[in-house]
Amino acid sequence: MERFLESLGLFQGKWEEWEVKDPYEGMYQGIHFNAVNIRLYHVYKAGYIRDGYEKRKEVVFKGLVIRYEDAAPTVLKTDHDFASIADDVDVRDIDAVKKSYIASLRGDETAVEIIAC
């Protein structure tokens, strides 16, 4: 995954760590695609010599990467997570969890539709 992210050229030289969440594969209008939420972090040390240093992370990119079987990947900078459950959903309520997850997919279907055109 790291090699793929580097090949996209996102914030070259400005990130050292990455995080992938909620991978999803599907088919849309006959086109196979996969999507993943991604965060790129700049990692640095902060503090003073006498007190010691601590490791800090700063998000330099948060968004969605969509790969298609026959086209170049698409990268969308967004604060919205793809294929996720809203923060305000009580995870003990399985029906609410399902509805939230499905709603996130339906919302992202619009993005895929716009990108695919």
Protein backbone atom coordinates (compact mmCIF):
# COMPACT_ATOMS: atom_id res chain seq x y z
CA MET A 1 0.00 0.00 0.00
CA GLU A 2 2.81 2.41 0.83
CA ARG A 3 4.33 2.05 -2.65
CA PHE A 4 0.90 2.71 -4.20
CA LEU A 5 0.42 5.83 -2.06
CA GLU A 6 3.86 7.12 -3.02
CA SER A 7 3.04 6.55 -6.70
CA LEU A 8 0.05 8.90 -6.37
CA GLY A 9 2.40 11.76 -5.52
CA LEU A 10 0.32 13.05 -2.61
CA PHE A 11 2.26 15.53 -0.47
CA GLN A 12 5.60 14.06 -1.57
CA GLY A 13 8.18 14.13 1.20
CA LYS A 14 5.69 15.56 3.70
CA TRP A 15 4.36 12.37 5.28
CA GLU A 16 6.02 9.48 7.06
CA GLU A 17 3.09 7.38 8.29
CA TRP A 18 -0.24 6.34 6.83
CA GLU A 19 -3.46 4.77 8.05
CA VAL A 20 -6.05 2.86 6.04
CA LYS A 21 -9.63 2.34 7.26
CA ASP A 22 -12.83 0.78 5.99
CA PRO A 23 -11.70 -0.89 2.74
CA TYR A 24 -14.59 -1.64 0.39
CA GLU A 25 -14.85 -3.44 -2.96
CA GLY A 26 -17.81 -3.30 -5.27
CA MET A 27 -19.24 -3.05 -8.73
CA TYR A 28 -20.87 0.10 -10.10
CA GLN A 29 -22.52 0.10 -13.53
CA GLY A 30 -20.40 -2.90 -14.49
CA ILE A 31 -17.13 -1.31 -13.34
CA HIS A 32 -15.21 -3.05 -10.53
CA PHE A 33 -13.76 -0.64 -7.99
CA ASN A 34 -12.31 -0.56 -4.50
CA ALA A 35 -12.28 2.34 -2.10
CA VAL A 36 -10.49 3.05 1.14
CA ASN A 37 -10.33 5.87 3.66
CA ILE A 38 -6.78 7.09 4.06
CA ARG A 39 -4.86 9.44 6.30
CA LEU A 40 -1.30 10.61 5.75
CA TYR A 41 0.66 11.86 8.77
CA HIS A 42 3.70 14.06 9.14
CA VAL A 43 5.57 12.72 12.19
CA TYR A 44 8.01 14.87 14.12
CA LYS A 45 9.64 15.28 17.54
CA ALA A 46 8.70 18.18 19.77
CA GLY A 47 10.02 19.32 23.11
CA TYR A 48 13.25 20.46 24.74
CA ILE A 49 16.55 18.67 25.21
CA ARG A 50 16.38 18.84 29.01
CA ASP A 51 12.75 17.67 29.18
CA GLY A 52 12.96 15.11 26.42
CA TYR A 53 11.17 14.87 23.13
CA GLU A 54 7.80 13.44 22.31
CA LYS A 55 6.57 12.06 19.01
CA ARG A 56 3.76 14.07 17.44
CA LYS A 57 1.60 13.41 14.41
CA GLU A 58 -0.11 15.92 12.19
CA VAL A 59 -2.66 14.92 9.55
CA VAL A 60 -1.52 16.26 6.16
CA PHE A 61 -4.20 14.47 4.15
CA LYS A 62 -7.50 12.79 4.95
CA GLY A 63 -9.65 11.45 2.19
CA LEU A 64 -10.83 8.69 -0.05
CA VAL A 65 -8.84 6.74 -2.64
CA ILE A 66 -10.89 4.95 -5.29
CA ARG A 67 -9.25 2.52 -7.72
CA TYR A 68 -11.04 1.33 -10.84
CA GLU A 69 -10.19 -1.75 -12.88
CA ASP A 70 -9.72 0.16 -16.16
CA ALA A 71 -8.95 3.75 -15.15
CA ALA A 72 -6.56 5.87 -13.15
CA PRO A 73 -7.24 6.08 -9.40
CA THR A 74 -9.20 8.99 -7.98
CA VAL A 75 -8.24 10.78 -4.77
CA LEU A 76 -10.79 12.91 -2.92
CA LYS A 77 -9.85 15.07 0.03
CA THR A 78 -12.76 14.84 2.46
CA ASP A 79 -13.60 14.72 6.14
CA HIS A 80 -16.34 12.19 5.40
CA ASP A 81 -15.41 8.53 5.92
CA PHE A 82 -16.53 6.06 3.26
CA ALA A 83 -18.30 2.89 4.40
CA SER A 84 -18.37 3.90 8.03
CA ILE A 85 -20.71 4.27 10.97
CA ALA A 86 -21.60 7.77 12.18
CA ASP A 87 -20.10 8.80 15.52
CA ASP A 88 -23.51 9.44 17.11
CA VAL A 89 -24.80 5.88 16.48
CA ASP A 90 -25.18 3.61 19.51
CA VAL A 91 -23.22 0.51 18.44
CA ARG A 92 -25.38 -1.63 20.73
CA ASP A 93 -28.31 -0.99 18.38
CA ILE A 94 -27.52 -3.28 15.43
CA ASP A 95 -30.34 -1.84 13.28
CA ALA A 96 -29.01 1.69 13.75
CA VAL A 97 -25.50 0.49 12.90
CA LYS A 98 -26.74 -1.16 9.68
CA LYS A 99 -28.74 1.94 8.67
CA SER A 100 -25.78 4.25 9.28
CA TYR A 101 -23.40 2.02 7.32
CA ILE A 102 -25.83 1.71 4.39
CA ALA A 103 -26.47 5.47 4.42
CA SER A 104 -22.72 6.14 4.16
CA LEU A 105 -22.53 3.83 1.14
CA ARG A 106 -25.51 5.52 -0.53
CA GLY A 107 -24.00 8.94 0.03
CA ASP A 108 -20.76 7.80 -1.52
CA GLU A 109 -22.61 6.29 -4.49
CA THR A 110 -23.28 9.87 -5.58
CA ALA A 111 -19.55 10.65 -5.44
CA VAL A 112 -18.74 7.54 -7.48
CA GLU A 113 -21.44 8.52 -9.98
CA ILE A 114 -19.98 12.00 -10.39
CA ILE A 115 -16.43 10.67 -10.74
CA ALA A 116 -17.39 7.92 -13.18
CA CYS A 117 -19.04 10.36 -15.61
